Amino acid sequence: MLQLAVCDDEAVCLRQTVDILRAALGDTPHQLKTFENAPAMLAMLAEDGYRPDIAVLDVNLPDGDGFSLMKEIRQMKDIP
């Protein structure tokens, strides 16, 4: 099953991104998790061992940026 994560602090953009992804995936088995900020996403990665196959990240987040978040996710991806 494909694991996807979307992080965006703007509710409208988050919902639109989710709608686009679900439409594109169609019947492909997937699980999609959404996050409104980087700390929430990082907490899920650290605490639950969640490892998305695809992460769609907002470039401008109030608590950082999508590029920094991506680097942190990549570092955590290899941690069991």
C-alpha atoms as a PDB file:
ATOM      1  CA  MET A   1       0.000   0.000   0.000  1.00  0.00           C
ATOM      2  CA  LEU A   2       1.287   3.430  -0.948  1.00  0.00           C
ATOM      3  CA  GLN A   3       1.867   5.749   2.022  1.00  0.00           C
ATOM      4  CA  LEU A   4       1.459   9.474   1.388  1.00  0.00           C
ATOM      5  CA  ALA A   5       1.873  12.502   3.642  1.00  0.00           C
ATOM      6  CA  VAL A   6       0.809  16.069   2.962  1.00  0.00           C
ATOM      7  CA  CYS A   7       1.962  18.995   5.099  1.00  0.00           C
ATOM      8  CA  ASP A   8       0.459  22.438   4.569  1.00  0.00           C
ATOM      9  CA  ASP A   9      -0.501  25.101   7.095  1.00  0.00           C
ATOM     10  CA  GLU A  10      -3.268  26.496   4.868  1.00  0.00           C
ATOM     11  CA  ALA A  11      -6.433  24.399   5.233  1.00  0.00           C
ATOM     12  CA  VAL A  12      -7.724  25.180   1.730  1.00  0.00           C
ATOM     13  CA  CYS A  13      -4.435  24.198   0.082  1.00  0.00           C
ATOM     14  CA  LEU A  14      -4.203  21.065   2.209  1.00  0.00           C
ATOM     15  CA  ARG A  15      -7.708  19.981   1.182  1.00  0.00           C
ATOM     16  CA  GLN A  16      -7.086  20.754  -2.498  1.00  0.00           C
ATOM     17  CA  THR A  17      -3.824  18.819  -2.507  1.00  0.00           C
ATOM     18  CA  VAL A  18      -5.527  15.822  -0.905  1.00  0.00           C
ATOM     19  CA  ASP A  19      -8.338  15.972  -3.482  1.00  0.00           C
ATOM     20  CA  ILE A  20      -5.847  16.100  -6.366  1.00  0.00           C
ATOM     21  CA  LEU A  21      -3.845  13.168  -4.987  1.00  0.00           C
ATOM     22  CA  ARG A  22      -6.923  11.027  -4.372  1.00  0.00           C
ATOM     23  CA  ALA A  23      -8.206  11.717  -7.885  1.00  0.00           C
ATOM     24  CA  ALA A  24      -4.812  10.886  -9.395  1.00  0.00           C
ATOM     25  CA  LEU A  25      -4.463   7.671  -7.383  1.00  0.00           C
ATOM     26  CA  GLY A  26      -7.918   6.402  -8.284  1.00  0.00           C
ATOM     27  CA  ASP A  27      -8.206   2.783  -7.158  1.00  0.00           C
ATOM     28  CA  THR A  28      -4.547   2.480  -6.159  1.00  0.00           C
ATOM     29  CA  PRO A  29      -4.430   1.254  -2.561  1.00  0.00           C
ATOM     30  CA  HIS A  30      -3.080   4.071  -0.420  1.00  0.00           C
ATOM     31  CA  GLN A  31      -3.092   5.650   2.989  1.00  0.00           C
ATOM     32  CA  LEU A  32      -2.897   9.427   3.126  1.00  0.00           C
ATOM     33  CA  LYS A  33      -2.062  11.371   6.277  1.00  0.00           C
ATOM     34  CA  THR A  34      -2.255  15.134   6.582  1.00  0.00           C
ATOM     35  CA  PHE A  35      -0.350  17.519   8.806  1.00  0.00           C
ATOM     36  CA  GLU A  36      -0.862  21.232   9.420  1.00  0.00           C
ATOM     37  CA  ASN A  37       2.714  21.863  10.545  1.00  0.00           C
ATOM     38  CA  ALA A  38       6.203  20.415  10.457  1.00  0.00           C
ATOM     39  CA  PRO A  39       6.386  19.504  14.173  1.00  0.00           C
ATOM     40  CA  ALA A  40       3.229  17.376  13.889  1.00  0.00           C
ATOM     41  CA  MET A  41       4.657  15.489  10.936  1.00  0.00           C
ATOM     42  CA  LEU A  42       8.027  14.992  12.597  1.00  0.00           C
ATOM     43  CA  ALA A  43       6.335  13.772  15.771  1.00  0.00           C
ATOM     44  CA  MET A  44       4.449  11.115  13.784  1.00  0.00           C
ATOM     45  CA  LEU A  45       7.695  10.027  12.182  1.00  0.00           C
ATOM     46  CA  ALA A  46       9.552   9.872  15.481  1.00  0.00           C
ATOM     47  CA  GLU A  47       6.865   8.362  17.699  1.00  0.00           C
ATOM     48  CA  ASP A  48       4.968   6.009  15.415  1.00  0.00           C
ATOM     49  CA  GLY A  49       7.694   5.089  12.960  1.00  0.00           C
ATOM     50  CA  TYR A  50       5.486   6.357  10.115  1.00  0.00           C
ATOM     51  CA  ARG A  51       7.443   6.384   6.851  1.00  0.00           C
ATOM     52  CA  PRO A  52       5.619   7.847   3.840  1.00  0.00           C
ATOM     53  CA  ASP A  53       6.615   6.783   0.353  1.00  0.00           C
ATOM     54  CA  ILE A  54       5.649  10.220  -0.938  1.00  0.00           C
ATOM     55  CA  ALA A  55       5.579  13.515   0.962  1.00  0.00           C
ATOM     56  CA  VAL A  56       4.011  16.660  -0.466  1.00  0.00           C
ATOM     57  CA  LEU A  57       5.314  19.612   1.508  1.00  0.00           C
ATOM     58  CA  ASP A  58       4.423  23.293   1.552  1.00  0.00           C
ATOM     59  CA  VAL A  59       7.488  25.382   0.787  1.00  0.00           C
ATOM     60  CA  ASN A  60       6.544  28.131   3.256  1.00  0.00           C
ATOM     61  CA  LEU A  61       5.577  26.909   6.699  1.00  0.00           C
ATOM     62  CA  PRO A  62       5.290  29.148   9.753  1.00  0.00           C
ATOM     63  CA  ASP A  63       7.650  26.900  11.701  1.00  0.00           C
ATOM     64  CA  GLY A  64      10.204  26.360   8.952  1.00  0.00           C
ATOM     65  CA  ASP A  65      10.121  25.455   5.301  1.00  0.00           C
ATOM     66  CA  GLY A  66       9.409  22.388   3.226  1.00  0.00           C
ATOM     67  CA  PHE A  67      13.038  22.002   2.206  1.00  0.00           C
ATOM     68  CA  SER A  68      14.277  21.781   5.789  1.00  0.00           C
ATOM     69  CA  LEU A  69      11.437  19.433   6.629  1.00  0.00           C
ATOM     70  CA  MET A  70      12.361  17.219   3.688  1.00  0.00           C
ATOM     71  CA  LYS A  71      15.951  16.991   4.931  1.00  0.00           C
ATOM     72  CA  GLU A  72      14.763  15.967   8.396  1.00  0.00           C
ATOM     73  CA  ILE A  73      12.418  13.346   6.928  1.00  0.00           C
ATOM     74  CA  ARG A  74      15.227  11.894   4.806  1.00  0.00           C
ATOM     75  CA  GLN A  75      17.458  11.617   7.867  1.00  0.00           C
ATOM     76  CA  MET A  76      14.697   9.902   9.853  1.00  0.00           C
ATOM     77  CA  LYS A  77      13.716   7.562   7.006  1.00  0.00           C
ATOM     78  CA  ASP A  78      16.668   5.292   7.727  1.00  0.00           C
ATOM     79  CA  ILE A  79      16.003   5.123  11.469  1.00  0.00           C
ATOM     80  CA  PRO A  80      14.052   1.965  12.390  1.00  0.00           C
END
